[in-house]
């Protein structure tokens, strides 16, 4: 039996489904932060959010296809599961790292947007 086909046949759908699920979650929940960062400009926030989504898909699906090839010997169901777990686990860790990186970037951008808003309010409300 060709166990490599079993690994590939499971790896690609699992990876794509995980990527889509994480990307949609980030897309939906990240919008609020982007609207705040762009001072309520929903059109700009939505455009940036779509660009981030596209980039997220490209990076993750690209990496998944690059790592499709397996150098491990796969001659049994046990080796199939072990190889698959290493591959899927790596993708999950990468998705998690990208998620935390995105949160960090949103946090920094949101802080900068708040500082700019405070400075703008100070200038407008400055006593004469």
N, C-alpha and C. Protein backbone atom coordinates (compact mmCIF):
# COMPACT_ATOMS: atom_id res chain seq x y z
N UNK A 1 0.84 -1.19 0.00
CA UNK A 1 0.00 0.00 0.00
C UNK A 1 0.88 1.24 0.00
N UNK A 2 0.46 2.26 -0.71
CA UNK A 2 1.20 3.50 -0.76
C UNK A 2 0.71 4.43 0.36
N UNK A 3 1.43 4.44 1.47
CA UNK A 3 1.05 5.23 2.63
C UNK A 3 1.29 6.72 2.41
N UNK A 4 2.19 7.05 1.48
CA UNK A 4 2.44 8.46 1.19
C UNK A 4 1.17 9.14 0.68
N UNK A 5 0.43 8.46 -0.16
CA UNK A 5 -0.82 9.03 -0.65
C UNK A 5 -1.81 9.27 0.48
N UNK A 6 -1.80 8.40 1.46
CA UNK A 6 -2.66 8.57 2.62
C UNK A 6 -2.26 9.83 3.41
N UNK A 7 -0.95 10.03 3.59
CA UNK A 7 -0.46 11.23 4.29
C UNK A 7 -0.85 12.47 3.51
N UNK A 8 -0.57 12.48 2.21
CA UNK A 8 -0.88 13.64 1.39
C UNK A 8 -2.39 13.90 1.33
N UNK A 9 -3.14 12.82 1.20
CA UNK A 9 -4.60 12.95 1.10
C UNK A 9 -5.24 13.49 2.35
N UNK A 10 -4.63 13.27 3.50
CA UNK A 10 -5.15 13.82 4.76
C UNK A 10 -4.56 15.18 5.06
N UNK A 11 -3.27 15.35 4.76
CA UNK A 11 -2.55 16.57 5.12
C UNK A 11 -3.12 17.81 4.42
N UNK A 12 -3.30 17.74 3.14
CA UNK A 12 -3.77 18.92 2.41
C UNK A 12 -5.15 19.39 2.85
N UNK A 13 -6.16 18.51 2.93
CA UNK A 13 -7.47 19.00 3.40
C UNK A 13 -7.44 19.54 4.83
N UNK A 14 -6.72 18.86 5.71
CA UNK A 14 -6.64 19.32 7.11
C UNK A 14 -5.99 20.70 7.16
N UNK A 15 -4.89 20.86 6.45
CA UNK A 15 -4.17 22.13 6.46
C UNK A 15 -5.00 23.26 5.86
N UNK A 16 -5.64 23.00 4.75
CA UNK A 16 -6.45 24.03 4.11
C UNK A 16 -7.63 24.41 5.00
N UNK A 17 -8.30 23.42 5.58
CA UNK A 17 -9.44 23.71 6.46
C UNK A 17 -9.00 24.50 7.69
N UNK A 18 -7.89 24.14 8.29
CA UNK A 18 -7.39 24.89 9.45
C UNK A 18 -7.04 26.33 9.05
N UNK A 19 -6.39 26.48 7.91
CA UNK A 19 -6.02 27.81 7.45
C UNK A 19 -7.24 28.67 7.19
N UNK A 20 -8.24 28.11 6.54
CA UNK A 20 -9.47 28.86 6.25
C UNK A 20 -10.18 29.24 7.55
N UNK A 21 -10.26 28.30 8.48
CA UNK A 21 -10.94 28.58 9.75
C UNK A 21 -10.24 29.70 10.52
N UNK A 22 -8.91 29.62 10.65
CA UNK A 22 -8.17 30.66 11.38
C UNK A 22 -8.27 31.99 10.65
N UNK A 23 -8.13 31.97 9.33
CA UNK A 23 -8.19 33.20 8.56
C UNK A 23 -9.55 33.88 8.68
N UNK A 24 -10.61 33.12 8.60
CA UNK A 24 -11.97 33.70 8.72
C UNK A 24 -12.19 34.27 10.12
N UNK A 25 -11.67 33.57 11.13
CA UNK A 25 -11.81 34.06 12.50
C UNK A 25 -11.06 35.39 12.67
N UNK A 26 -9.83 35.45 12.17
CA UNK A 26 -9.06 36.69 12.25
C UNK A 26 -9.72 37.80 11.44
N UNK A 27 -10.24 37.45 10.27
CA UNK A 27 -10.89 38.43 9.41
C UNK A 27 -12.11 39.04 10.10
N UNK A 28 -12.93 38.19 10.67
CA UNK A 28 -14.16 38.65 11.31
C UNK A 28 -13.88 39.47 12.57
N UNK A 29 -13.02 38.96 13.42
CA UNK A 29 -12.79 39.61 14.71
C UNK A 29 -11.75 40.72 14.65
N UNK A 30 -10.91 40.74 13.63
CA UNK A 30 -9.90 41.78 13.50
C UNK A 30 -10.45 43.08 12.96
N UNK A 31 -11.61 43.03 12.34
CA UNK A 31 -12.20 44.22 11.73
C UNK A 31 -12.38 45.35 12.75
N UNK A 32 -12.84 45.01 13.94
CA UNK A 32 -13.08 46.02 14.99
C UNK A 32 -11.80 46.78 15.30
N UNK A 33 -10.68 46.07 15.41
CA UNK A 33 -9.41 46.72 15.69
C UNK A 33 -8.99 47.63 14.54
N UNK A 34 -9.18 47.15 13.32
CA UNK A 34 -8.79 47.95 12.16
C UNK A 34 -9.63 49.22 12.03
N UNK A 35 -10.92 49.11 12.31
CA UNK A 35 -11.77 50.31 12.26
C UNK A 35 -11.30 51.32 13.29
N UNK A 36 -10.93 50.85 14.48
CA UNK A 36 -10.42 51.74 15.52
C UNK A 36 -9.08 52.35 15.10
N UNK A 37 -8.20 51.54 14.54
CA UNK A 37 -6.88 52.03 14.12
C UNK A 37 -7.02 53.11 13.05
N UNK A 38 -7.98 52.92 12.14
CA UNK A 38 -8.17 53.87 11.05
C UNK A 38 -9.24 54.92 11.38
N UNK A 39 -9.43 55.18 12.66
CA UNK A 39 -10.30 56.26 13.15
C UNK A 39 -11.71 56.20 12.56
N UNK A 40 -12.28 55.02 12.51
CA UNK A 40 -13.66 54.86 12.06
C UNK A 40 -13.84 54.79 10.56
N UNK A 41 -12.76 54.82 9.80
CA UNK A 41 -12.85 54.72 8.34
C UNK A 41 -13.07 53.25 7.97
N UNK A 42 -14.34 52.85 7.90
CA UNK A 42 -14.68 51.45 7.68
C UNK A 42 -14.25 50.94 6.31
N UNK A 43 -14.32 51.79 5.31
CA UNK A 43 -13.90 51.38 3.97
C UNK A 43 -12.43 51.01 3.92
N UNK A 44 -11.59 51.83 4.54
CA UNK A 44 -10.15 51.56 4.58
C UNK A 44 -9.88 50.32 5.43
N UNK A 45 -10.56 50.22 6.57
CA UNK A 45 -10.37 49.06 7.45
C UNK A 45 -10.75 47.76 6.74
N UNK A 46 -11.86 47.78 6.01
CA UNK A 46 -12.29 46.58 5.29
C UNK A 46 -11.31 46.22 4.18
N UNK A 47 -10.79 47.21 3.49
CA UNK A 47 -9.82 46.95 2.42
C UNK A 47 -8.55 46.33 2.99
N UNK A 48 -8.04 46.90 4.06
CA UNK A 48 -6.83 46.37 4.69
C UNK A 48 -7.09 44.96 5.22
N UNK A 49 -8.27 44.75 5.78
CA UNK A 49 -8.62 43.44 6.31
C UNK A 49 -8.62 42.38 5.21
N UNK A 50 -9.15 42.74 4.04
CA UNK A 50 -9.16 41.80 2.91
C UNK A 50 -7.75 41.53 2.40
N UNK A 51 -6.90 42.55 2.39
CA UNK A 51 -5.51 42.34 1.99
C UNK A 51 -4.78 41.43 2.98
N UNK A 52 -5.03 41.63 4.27
CA UNK A 52 -4.43 40.75 5.28
C UNK A 52 -4.91 39.31 5.12
N UNK A 53 -6.18 39.14 4.81
CA UNK A 53 -6.74 37.80 4.61
C UNK A 53 -6.07 37.12 3.42
N UNK A 54 -5.93 37.85 2.33
CA UNK A 54 -5.29 37.28 1.14
C UNK A 54 -3.84 36.89 1.43
N UNK A 55 -3.10 37.76 2.08
CA UNK A 55 -1.73 37.46 2.45
C UNK A 55 -1.62 36.25 3.37
N UNK A 56 -2.54 36.16 4.31
CA UNK A 56 -2.56 35.03 5.24
C UNK A 56 -2.76 33.72 4.49
N UNK A 57 -3.71 33.71 3.55
CA UNK A 57 -3.94 32.52 2.73
C UNK A 57 -2.69 32.17 1.92
N UNK A 58 -2.11 33.15 1.28
CA UNK A 58 -0.95 32.89 0.43
C UNK A 58 0.21 32.31 1.23
N UNK A 59 0.50 32.90 2.36
CA UNK A 59 1.62 32.43 3.18
C UNK A 59 1.38 31.01 3.68
N UNK A 60 0.21 30.77 4.24
CA UNK A 60 -0.04 29.46 4.86
C UNK A 60 -0.24 28.34 3.86
N UNK A 61 -1.00 28.58 2.82
CA UNK A 61 -1.20 27.53 1.82
C UNK A 61 0.11 27.31 1.06
N UNK A 62 0.85 28.37 0.82
CA UNK A 62 2.15 28.23 0.17
C UNK A 62 3.11 27.40 1.00
N UNK A 63 3.17 27.68 2.29
CA UNK A 63 4.05 26.90 3.16
C UNK A 63 3.59 25.44 3.24
N UNK A 64 2.29 25.25 3.30
CA UNK A 64 1.77 23.88 3.38
C UNK A 64 2.13 23.08 2.13
N UNK A 65 2.07 23.70 0.98
CA UNK A 65 2.43 22.97 -0.23
C UNK A 65 3.93 22.76 -0.34
N UNK A 66 4.72 23.71 0.19
CA UNK A 66 6.17 23.51 0.20
C UNK A 66 6.57 22.34 1.10
N UNK A 67 5.87 22.15 2.18
CA UNK A 67 6.21 21.09 3.13
C UNK A 67 5.44 19.80 2.86
N UNK A 68 4.80 19.72 1.74
CA UNK A 68 4.04 18.52 1.40
C UNK A 68 4.95 17.30 1.29
N UNK A 69 6.09 17.49 0.68
CA UNK A 69 7.02 16.37 0.48
C UNK A 69 7.50 15.85 1.83
N UNK A 70 7.54 14.54 1.94
CA UNK A 70 7.96 13.92 3.18
C UNK A 70 9.23 13.13 2.95
N UNK A 71 10.21 13.34 3.82
CA UNK A 71 11.46 12.58 3.75
C UNK A 71 11.43 11.38 4.69
N UNK A 72 10.43 11.34 5.54
CA UNK A 72 10.32 10.23 6.50
C UNK A 72 9.83 8.97 5.78
N UNK A 73 10.30 7.85 6.27
CA UNK A 73 9.84 6.57 5.74
C UNK A 73 8.42 6.32 6.24
N UNK A 74 7.52 6.00 5.35
CA UNK A 74 6.14 5.74 5.72
C UNK A 74 5.75 4.38 5.13
N UNK A 75 5.81 3.36 5.99
CA UNK A 75 5.51 2.00 5.53
C UNK A 75 4.43 1.33 6.37
N UNK A 76 3.78 2.11 7.24
CA UNK A 76 2.72 1.53 8.07
C UNK A 76 1.73 2.63 8.45
N UNK A 77 0.61 2.21 9.02
CA UNK A 77 -0.37 3.18 9.47
C UNK A 77 0.19 4.02 10.62
N UNK A 78 0.97 3.40 11.47
CA UNK A 78 1.57 4.14 12.58
C UNK A 78 2.48 5.25 12.06
N UNK A 79 3.34 4.93 11.11
CA UNK A 79 4.22 5.94 10.54
C UNK A 79 3.43 7.01 9.79
N UNK A 80 2.30 6.61 9.21
CA UNK A 80 1.44 7.57 8.54
C UNK A 80 0.90 8.59 9.53
N UNK A 81 0.39 8.12 10.66
CA UNK A 81 -0.15 9.01 11.68
C UNK A 81 0.95 9.88 12.28
N UNK A 82 2.12 9.31 12.51
CA UNK A 82 3.22 10.08 13.08
C UNK A 82 3.69 11.17 12.12
N UNK A 83 3.82 10.85 10.86
CA UNK A 83 4.24 11.84 9.86
C UNK A 83 3.18 12.93 9.73
N UNK A 84 1.94 12.51 9.68
CA UNK A 84 0.84 13.47 9.57
C UNK A 84 0.78 14.38 10.78
N UNK A 85 1.00 13.84 11.97
CA UNK A 85 0.93 14.66 13.18
C UNK A 85 2.05 15.70 13.21
N UNK A 86 3.23 15.34 12.73
CA UNK A 86 4.33 16.32 12.69
C UNK A 86 4.00 17.43 11.69
N UNK A 87 3.50 17.06 10.54
CA UNK A 87 3.17 18.05 9.52
C UNK A 87 2.03 18.98 9.97
N UNK A 88 0.95 18.41 10.46
CA UNK A 88 -0.19 19.21 10.90
C UNK A 88 0.17 20.02 12.14
N UNK A 89 0.92 19.43 13.05
CA UNK A 89 1.36 20.16 14.24
C UNK A 89 2.21 21.37 13.90
N UNK A 90 3.07 21.23 12.91
CA UNK A 90 3.89 22.35 12.47
C UNK A 90 3.02 23.47 11.92
N UNK A 91 2.05 23.11 11.11
CA UNK A 91 1.14 24.12 10.55
C UNK A 91 0.35 24.81 11.66
N UNK A 92 -0.12 24.06 12.63
CA UNK A 92 -0.88 24.65 13.75
C UNK A 92 0.00 25.63 14.52
N UNK A 93 1.25 25.26 14.78
CA UNK A 93 2.16 26.17 15.48
C UNK A 93 2.41 27.44 14.67
N UNK A 94 2.56 27.30 13.37
CA UNK A 94 2.77 28.47 12.52
C UNK A 94 1.53 29.37 12.52
N UNK A 95 0.35 28.76 12.42
CA UNK A 95 -0.89 29.55 12.47
C UNK A 95 -1.01 30.29 13.80
N UNK A 96 -0.68 29.61 14.88
CA UNK A 96 -0.73 30.25 16.20
C UNK A 96 0.27 31.40 16.31
N UNK A 97 1.48 31.19 15.80
CA UNK A 97 2.49 32.25 15.84
C UNK A 97 2.04 33.45 15.00
N UNK A 98 1.47 33.18 13.84
CA UNK A 98 0.99 34.28 13.00
C UNK A 98 -0.16 35.02 13.69
N UNK A 99 -1.00 34.29 14.39
CA UNK A 99 -2.11 34.91 15.12
C UNK A 99 -1.57 35.87 16.18
N UNK A 100 -0.60 35.40 16.97
CA UNK A 100 -0.05 36.27 18.01
C UNK A 100 0.72 37.44 17.41
N UNK A 101 1.38 37.23 16.29
CA UNK A 101 2.06 38.34 15.62
C UNK A 101 1.05 39.38 15.16
N UNK A 102 -0.07 38.93 14.59
CA UNK A 102 -1.13 39.85 14.17
C UNK A 102 -1.69 40.62 15.36
N UNK A 103 -1.92 39.93 16.47
CA UNK A 103 -2.41 40.61 17.67
C UNK A 103 -1.43 41.67 18.15
N UNK A 104 -0.16 41.35 18.10
CA UNK A 104 0.87 42.30 18.52
C UNK A 104 0.86 43.54 17.62
N UNK A 105 0.79 43.31 16.31
CA UNK A 105 0.75 44.43 15.36
C UNK A 105 -0.49 45.28 15.59
N UNK A 106 -1.66 44.64 15.78
CA UNK A 106 -2.89 45.39 16.05
C UNK A 106 -2.76 46.19 17.34
N UNK A 107 -2.17 45.59 18.36
CA UNK A 107 -1.98 46.26 19.64
C UNK A 107 -1.12 47.51 19.46
N UNK A 108 -0.01 47.38 18.74
CA UNK A 108 0.88 48.52 18.53
C UNK A 108 0.21 49.60 17.69
N UNK A 109 -0.49 49.20 16.63
CA UNK A 109 -1.18 50.17 15.79
C UNK A 109 -2.30 50.87 16.54
N UNK A 110 -3.00 50.13 17.37
CA UNK A 110 -4.11 50.71 18.13
C UNK A 110 -3.57 51.72 19.14
N UNK A 111 -2.46 51.39 19.78
CA UNK A 111 -1.84 52.33 20.72
C UNK A 111 -1.40 53.61 20.03
N UNK A 112 -0.84 53.47 18.83
CA UNK A 112 -0.41 54.64 18.07
C UNK A 112 -1.62 55.48 17.66
N UNK A 113 -2.70 54.82 17.26
CA UNK A 113 -3.92 55.54 16.87
C UNK A 113 -4.50 56.30 18.05
N UNK A 114 -4.48 55.69 19.24
CA UNK A 114 -4.99 56.38 20.43
C UNK A 114 -4.12 57.58 20.79
N UNK A 115 -2.80 57.43 20.68
CA UNK A 115 -1.90 58.55 20.97
C UNK A 115 -2.15 59.71 20.00
N UNK A 116 -2.34 59.38 18.73
CA UNK A 116 -2.62 60.42 17.74
C UNK A 116 -3.95 61.11 18.04
N UNK A 117 -4.95 60.33 18.44
CA UNK A 117 -6.26 60.92 18.75
C UNK A 117 -6.16 61.83 19.97
N UNK A 118 -5.39 61.44 20.98
CA UNK A 118 -5.21 62.27 22.17
C UNK A 118 -4.50 63.57 21.81
N UNK A 119 -3.46 63.46 20.99
CA UNK A 119 -2.73 64.67 20.58
C UNK A 119 -3.63 65.59 19.78
N UNK A 120 -4.44 65.04 18.92
CA UNK A 120 -5.37 65.84 18.11
C UNK A 120 -6.39 66.53 19.00
N UNK A 121 -6.94 65.79 19.98
CA UNK A 121 -7.91 66.37 20.91
C UNK A 121 -7.26 67.47 21.76
N UNK A 122 -6.01 67.28 22.14
CA UNK A 122 -5.31 68.29 22.94
C UNK A 122 -5.16 69.59 22.16
N UNK A 123 -4.79 69.46 20.88
CA UNK A 123 -4.61 70.65 20.05
C UNK A 123 -5.95 71.36 19.85
N UNK A 124 -7.01 70.62 19.62
CA UNK A 124 -8.33 71.23 19.40
C UNK A 124 -8.90 71.87 20.65
N UNK A 125 -8.66 71.25 21.78
CA UNK A 125 -9.26 71.73 23.04
C UNK A 125 -8.28 72.53 23.88
N UNK A 126 -7.20 72.97 23.29
CA UNK A 126 -6.17 73.72 24.00
C UNK A 126 -6.75 75.05 24.49
N UNK A 127 -6.58 75.36 25.80
CA UNK A 127 -7.09 76.64 26.31
C UNK A 127 -6.33 77.81 25.71
N UNK A 128 -7.03 78.90 25.45
CA UNK A 128 -6.44 80.08 24.79
C UNK A 128 -5.85 81.00 25.80
